[in-house]
Amino acid sequence: MMAGALTPTEVITAWKAGSDFMKVFPCAQVGGDSYIRALRGPLPHVPLIAAGGVNQQTASSFIFAGADAIGVGRELIPKEALQQRQEGRISELARRFLGHVKNDRDQKAASS
C-alpha cells in the first residue's frame, strides 16, 4: 500500500499505520530534492517516492537526494499524446525515465 503524505508527521503516521511506501506530494512545491533530503535524514528507514514536479530534468536530483522512486504524471503521459494516440511517444518517454533512474541508482550505489 502506498500512502500520500507531505509533512514529517504525516509520513510517520502513514508508516506506523502500515504503508509500504510514502508518496511525498507535492514535492517540488515544498523544496523538491532538498525536501526529500531533509525527510531522509530522520527517516532513513521509510521508503519515499517523490511526486509532483518530477520531470526528466529533476528526476536525477530526487534519486540522489534519497528518493527510492519517483512518481511521474503528465511528464510521462502528456495529454496531447493521449488525445493523438501517440503510443510511441509515451513509450519513448517511459524508456527515458527508466534510463535516468537506472543510471542514477547505479551511480549512487557505486559511490556508496
C-alpha atoms as a PDB file:
ATOM      1  CA  MET A   1       0.000   0.000   0.000  1.00  0.00           C
ATOM      2  CA  MET A   2       1.270   3.478  -0.812  1.00  0.00           C
ATOM      3  CA  ALA A   3       0.066   6.390   1.257  1.00  0.00           C
ATOM      4  CA  GLY A   4       0.307  10.004   0.230  1.00  0.00           C
ATOM      5  CA  ALA A   5       1.980  12.284   2.740  1.00  0.00           C
ATOM      6  CA  LEU A   6       3.676  15.649   2.853  1.00  0.00           C
ATOM      7  CA  THR A   7       4.719  16.586   6.360  1.00  0.00           C
ATOM      8  CA  PRO A   8       7.055  14.518   8.533  1.00  0.00           C
ATOM      9  CA  THR A   9       4.134  13.843  10.879  1.00  0.00           C
ATOM     10  CA  GLU A  10       2.023  12.516   8.000  1.00  0.00           C
ATOM     11  CA  VAL A  11       4.900  10.339   6.779  1.00  0.00           C
ATOM     12  CA  ILE A  12       5.446   8.819  10.228  1.00  0.00           C
ATOM     13  CA  THR A  13       1.712   8.319  10.819  1.00  0.00           C
ATOM     14  CA  ALA A  14       1.258   6.524   7.485  1.00  0.00           C
ATOM     15  CA  TRP A  15       4.375   4.403   8.066  1.00  0.00           C
ATOM     16  CA  LYS A  16       3.177   3.340  11.514  1.00  0.00           C
ATOM     17  CA  ALA A  17      -0.245   2.527  10.011  1.00  0.00           C
ATOM     18  CA  GLY A  18       1.410   0.015   7.696  1.00  0.00           C
ATOM     19  CA  SER A  19       2.006   1.821   4.417  1.00  0.00           C
ATOM     20  CA  ASP A  20       4.771   0.206   2.376  1.00  0.00           C
ATOM     21  CA  PHE A  21       5.813   3.439   0.638  1.00  0.00           C
ATOM     22  CA  MET A  22       5.242   7.148   1.203  1.00  0.00           C
ATOM     23  CA  LYS A  23       4.305   9.197  -1.852  1.00  0.00           C
ATOM     24  CA  VAL A  24       5.605  12.656  -0.945  1.00  0.00           C
ATOM     25  CA  PHE A  25       3.353  15.080  -2.822  1.00  0.00           C
ATOM     26  CA  PRO A  26       3.613  17.820  -3.993  1.00  0.00           C
ATOM     27  CA  CYS A  27       7.357  17.506  -3.702  1.00  0.00           C
ATOM     28  CA  ALA A  28       8.587  20.292  -5.991  1.00  0.00           C
ATOM     29  CA  GLN A  29       6.366  22.904  -4.385  1.00  0.00           C
ATOM     30  CA  VAL A  30       7.843  22.349  -0.927  1.00  0.00           C
ATOM     31  CA  GLY A  31      11.522  22.258  -1.810  1.00  0.00           C
ATOM     32  CA  GLY A  32      11.991  19.450  -4.311  1.00  0.00           C
ATOM     33  CA  ASP A  33      15.075  17.329  -3.792  1.00  0.00           C
ATOM     34  CA  SER A  34      16.063  19.395  -0.728  1.00  0.00           C
ATOM     35  CA  TYR A  35      12.824  18.373   0.952  1.00  0.00           C
ATOM     36  CA  ILE A  36      13.421  14.681   0.195  1.00  0.00           C
ATOM     37  CA  ARG A  37      16.945  15.032   1.605  1.00  0.00           C
ATOM     38  CA  ALA A  38      15.518  16.694   4.741  1.00  0.00           C
ATOM     39  CA  LEU A  39      12.982  13.884   5.237  1.00  0.00           C
ATOM     40  CA  ARG A  40      15.572  11.197   4.555  1.00  0.00           C
ATOM     41  CA  GLY A  41      17.785  12.364   7.443  1.00  0.00           C
ATOM     42  CA  PRO A  42      15.481  11.461  10.340  1.00  0.00           C
ATOM     43  CA  LEU A  43      13.553   8.816   8.372  1.00  0.00           C
ATOM     44  CA  PRO A  44      16.195   6.652   6.642  1.00  0.00           C
ATOM     45  CA  HIS A  45      14.059   3.523   7.004  1.00  0.00           C
ATOM     46  CA  VAL A  46      10.939   4.891   5.291  1.00  0.00           C
ATOM     47  CA  PRO A  47      10.720   4.320   1.512  1.00  0.00           C
ATOM     48  CA  LEU A  48       9.974   7.680  -0.119  1.00  0.00           C
ATOM     49  CA  ILE A  49       8.508   8.281  -3.563  1.00  0.00           C
ATOM     50  CA  ALA A  50       8.975  11.826  -4.829  1.00  0.00           C
ATOM     51  CA  ALA A  51       5.935  13.016  -6.783  1.00  0.00           C
ATOM     52  CA  GLY A  52       4.743  16.356  -8.036  1.00  0.00           C
ATOM     53  CA  GLY A  53       7.091  18.335 -10.227  1.00  0.00           C
ATOM     54  CA  VAL A  54       9.215  15.377 -11.246  1.00  0.00           C
ATOM     55  CA  ASN A  55      10.414  15.571 -14.842  1.00  0.00           C
ATOM     56  CA  GLN A  56      13.414  14.416 -16.862  1.00  0.00           C
ATOM     57  CA  GLN A  57      15.460  17.378 -15.629  1.00  0.00           C
ATOM     58  CA  THR A  58      14.686  16.811 -11.925  1.00  0.00           C
ATOM     59  CA  ALA A  59      14.447  13.010 -11.728  1.00  0.00           C
ATOM     60  CA  SER A  60      18.155  12.543 -11.016  1.00  0.00           C
ATOM     61  CA  SER A  61      18.220  15.081  -8.210  1.00  0.00           C
ATOM     62  CA  PHE A  62      15.347  13.300  -6.451  1.00  0.00           C
ATOM     63  CA  ILE A  63      17.099   9.926  -6.673  1.00  0.00           C
ATOM     64  CA  PHE A  64      20.408  11.345  -5.403  1.00  0.00           C
ATOM     65  CA  ALA A  65      18.551  13.130  -2.593  1.00  0.00           C
ATOM     66  CA  GLY A  66      17.305   9.786  -1.311  1.00  0.00           C
ATOM     67  CA  ALA A  67      14.010   9.085  -3.067  1.00  0.00           C
ATOM     68  CA  ASP A  68      13.538   5.355  -3.543  1.00  0.00           C
ATOM     69  CA  ALA A  69      11.358   6.006  -6.578  1.00  0.00           C
ATOM     70  CA  ILE A  70       9.753   8.831  -8.495  1.00  0.00           C
ATOM     71  CA  GLY A  71       6.128   9.440  -9.362  1.00  0.00           C
ATOM     72  CA  VAL A  72       5.614  10.920 -12.805  1.00  0.00           C
ATOM     73  CA  GLY A  73       2.293  12.029 -14.263  1.00  0.00           C
ATOM     74  CA  ARG A  74       1.807  14.449 -17.114  1.00  0.00           C
ATOM     75  CA  GLU A  75       5.530  14.472 -17.886  1.00  0.00           C
ATOM     76  CA  LEU A  76       5.236  10.787 -18.739  1.00  0.00           C
ATOM     77  CA  ILE A  77       1.819  10.807 -20.375  1.00  0.00           C
ATOM     78  CA  PRO A  78       1.166  14.226 -21.919  1.00  0.00           C
ATOM     79  CA  LYS A  79      -2.496  14.999 -22.580  1.00  0.00           C
ATOM     80  CA  GLU A  80      -1.879  15.636 -26.280  1.00  0.00           C
ATOM     81  CA  ALA A  81      -0.103  12.279 -26.635  1.00  0.00           C
ATOM     82  CA  LEU A  82      -3.220  10.561 -25.302  1.00  0.00           C
ATOM     83  CA  GLN A  83      -5.546  12.602 -27.476  1.00  0.00           C
ATOM     84  CA  GLN A  84      -3.494  11.890 -30.595  1.00  0.00           C
ATOM     85  CA  ARG A  85      -2.920   8.240 -29.610  1.00  0.00           C
ATOM     86  CA  GLN A  86       0.870   8.595 -29.735  1.00  0.00           C
ATOM     87  CA  GLU A  87       1.832   5.307 -28.104  1.00  0.00           C
ATOM     88  CA  GLY A  88       5.372   5.589 -29.452  1.00  0.00           C
ATOM     89  CA  ARG A  89       5.870   8.969 -27.796  1.00  0.00           C
ATOM     90  CA  ILE A  90       4.664   7.651 -24.439  1.00  0.00           C
ATOM     91  CA  SER A  91       6.871   4.556 -24.762  1.00  0.00           C
ATOM     92  CA  GLU A  92       9.891   6.729 -25.549  1.00  0.00           C
ATOM     93  CA  LEU A  93       9.239   8.973 -22.540  1.00  0.00           C
ATOM     94  CA  ALA A  94       8.918   5.893 -20.303  1.00  0.00           C
ATOM     95  CA  ARG A  95      12.170   4.478 -21.704  1.00  0.00           C
ATOM     96  CA  ARG A  96      13.962   7.760 -20.974  1.00  0.00           C
ATOM     97  CA  PHE A  97      12.659   7.989 -17.401  1.00  0.00           C
ATOM     98  CA  LEU A  98      13.625   4.372 -16.713  1.00  0.00           C
ATOM     99  CA  GLY A  99      17.082   5.009 -18.143  1.00  0.00           C
ATOM    100  CA  HIS A 100      17.583   8.058 -15.939  1.00  0.00           C
ATOM    101  CA  VAL A 101      16.521   6.221 -12.796  1.00  0.00           C
ATOM    102  CA  LYS A 102      18.624   3.124 -13.569  1.00  0.00           C
ATOM    103  CA  ASN A 103      21.734   5.197 -14.279  1.00  0.00           C
ATOM    104  CA  ASP A 104      21.197   7.294 -11.161  1.00  0.00           C
ATOM    105  CA  ARG A 105      20.733   4.240  -8.951  1.00  0.00           C
ATOM    106  CA  ASP A 106      23.866   2.647 -10.420  1.00  0.00           C
ATOM    107  CA  GLN A 107      25.892   5.823  -9.799  1.00  0.00           C
ATOM    108  CA  LYS A 108      24.508   6.150  -6.277  1.00  0.00           C
ATOM    109  CA  ALA A 109      25.384   2.518  -5.483  1.00  0.00           C
ATOM    110  CA  ALA A 110      28.902   2.945  -6.898  1.00  0.00           C
ATOM    111  CA  SER A 111      29.555   5.999  -4.744  1.00  0.00           C
ATOM    112  CA  SER A 112      28.265   4.379  -1.530  1.00  0.00           C
END
